[in-house]
Amino acid sequence: MYDYEIKYLKGSTNIEADMLSRHPVAHHLQHSSHLLDINEIKTHQKNDNLCGPKYHEIVDVIVIKKKNLSKIVIPFSLRLKLLNQAHEQFGHPGVQKMSN
């Protein structure tokens, strides 16, 4: 017999289990061609009013920092294009994951 206790952990705090339950899109993204050209992103960021003061610029690209990760801010004008390309290339891991 084993002595164990079952406790609920929110998925975001139980990273190993959370990772196992997710579609392996991140792995494919690392080993694929870029969905959007970085120069196209830079151009659109300059014309996007939403790329404002809460964001930071790193090597001419606007990013937002969340939990010690820097994520490129995709301008509104490119979001539909990116969603369509990601959907075509990798399938659909769910509405929330595609839009976050």
Protein backbone atom coordinates (compact mmCIF):
# COMPACT_ATOMS: atom_id res chain seq x y z
CA MET A 1 0.00 0.00 0.00
CA TYR A 2 1.02 3.55 -0.69
CA ASP A 3 0.31 6.46 1.60
CA TYR A 4 -0.70 9.43 -0.54
CA GLU A 5 -2.95 12.45 -0.44
CA ILE A 6 -4.78 13.91 -3.43
CA LYS A 7 -4.82 17.70 -3.65
CA TYR A 8 -6.32 19.93 -6.31
CA LEU A 9 -3.84 22.20 -8.08
CA LYS A 10 -4.84 24.80 -10.64
CA GLY A 11 -3.42 23.87 -14.06
CA SER A 12 -1.22 26.94 -14.29
CA THR A 13 0.51 26.01 -11.00
CA ASN A 14 0.80 22.31 -11.84
CA ILE A 15 2.97 22.87 -14.90
CA GLU A 16 3.95 19.25 -15.60
CA ALA A 17 0.38 17.93 -15.64
CA ASP A 18 -0.88 21.03 -17.42
CA MET A 19 1.76 20.60 -20.12
CA LEU A 20 0.83 16.95 -20.67
CA SER A 21 -2.83 17.83 -21.20
CA ARG A 22 -2.12 20.47 -23.84
CA HIS A 23 -1.88 20.12 -27.61
CA PRO A 24 1.83 20.05 -28.57
CA VAL A 25 1.64 23.23 -30.65
CA ALA A 26 4.60 24.94 -28.96
CA HIS A 27 6.97 22.16 -30.06
CA HIS A 28 5.82 22.51 -33.67
CA LEU A 29 6.12 26.29 -33.55
CA GLN A 30 9.77 26.04 -32.51
CA HIS A 31 10.59 23.82 -35.47
CA SER A 32 8.53 25.51 -38.17
CA SER A 33 8.87 28.40 -40.52
CA HIS A 34 7.81 31.75 -39.12
CA LEU A 35 4.13 32.46 -39.55
CA LEU A 36 4.71 36.21 -39.88
CA ASP A 37 7.77 38.09 -41.04
CA ILE A 38 9.34 40.11 -38.19
CA ASN A 39 9.68 43.16 -40.46
CA GLU A 40 5.96 42.99 -41.22
CA ILE A 41 5.24 42.88 -37.48
CA LYS A 42 7.52 45.90 -36.85
CA THR A 43 5.81 47.93 -39.58
CA HIS A 44 2.33 47.17 -38.27
CA GLN A 45 3.37 47.83 -34.65
CA LYS A 46 4.40 51.38 -35.59
CA ASN A 47 0.88 52.03 -36.92
CA ASP A 48 -1.02 50.36 -34.06
CA ASN A 49 -2.37 52.61 -31.30
CA LEU A 50 -2.66 49.64 -28.92
CA CYS A 51 1.13 49.16 -28.85
CA GLY A 52 1.41 51.72 -26.08
CA PRO A 53 3.25 52.48 -22.82
CA LYS A 54 2.62 49.18 -21.00
CA TYR A 55 4.76 47.46 -23.62
CA HIS A 56 8.54 47.45 -23.99
CA GLU A 57 10.72 47.67 -27.07
CA ILE A 58 13.48 45.09 -27.57
CA VAL A 59 15.55 45.32 -30.76
CA ASP A 60 12.88 47.43 -32.49
CA VAL A 61 10.10 44.95 -31.69
CA ILE A 62 7.38 45.76 -29.16
CA VAL A 63 6.91 43.08 -26.50
CA ILE A 64 4.92 42.62 -23.30
CA LYS A 65 6.47 40.97 -20.27
CA LYS A 66 4.39 38.39 -18.41
CA LYS A 67 5.80 36.09 -15.75
CA ASN A 68 9.41 36.71 -16.82
CA LEU A 69 8.60 35.96 -20.46
CA SER A 70 8.73 38.52 -23.25
CA LYS A 71 6.00 37.99 -25.82
CA ILE A 72 5.89 39.82 -29.14
CA VAL A 73 2.83 42.04 -29.39
CA ILE A 74 0.96 41.18 -32.58
CA PRO A 75 -0.70 44.34 -33.92
CA PHE A 76 -4.46 44.17 -34.37
CA SER A 77 -4.05 44.48 -38.15
CA LEU A 78 -2.11 41.16 -38.27
CA ARG A 79 -4.03 39.06 -35.72
CA LEU A 80 -6.53 37.52 -38.13
CA LYS A 81 -3.73 36.67 -40.57
CA LEU A 82 -1.71 35.02 -37.78
CA LEU A 83 -4.71 33.05 -36.46
CA ASN A 84 -5.54 31.80 -39.96
CA GLN A 85 -1.94 30.75 -40.66
CA ALA A 86 -1.54 29.02 -37.29
CA HIS A 87 -4.87 27.27 -37.72
CA GLU A 88 -3.95 26.02 -41.21
CA GLN A 89 -0.49 24.86 -40.18
CA PHE A 90 -1.11 23.37 -36.72
CA GLY A 91 -4.79 22.63 -36.36
CA HIS A 92 -7.04 24.22 -33.77
CA PRO A 93 -6.04 23.76 -30.11
CA GLY A 94 -9.06 25.73 -28.89
CA VAL A 95 -10.47 29.24 -29.09
CA GLN A 96 -8.92 30.50 -25.82
CA LYS A 97 -5.44 29.22 -26.66
CA MET A 98 -5.52 30.69 -30.17
CA SER A 99 -6.56 34.14 -28.95
CA ASN A 100 -4.40 34.49 -25.82
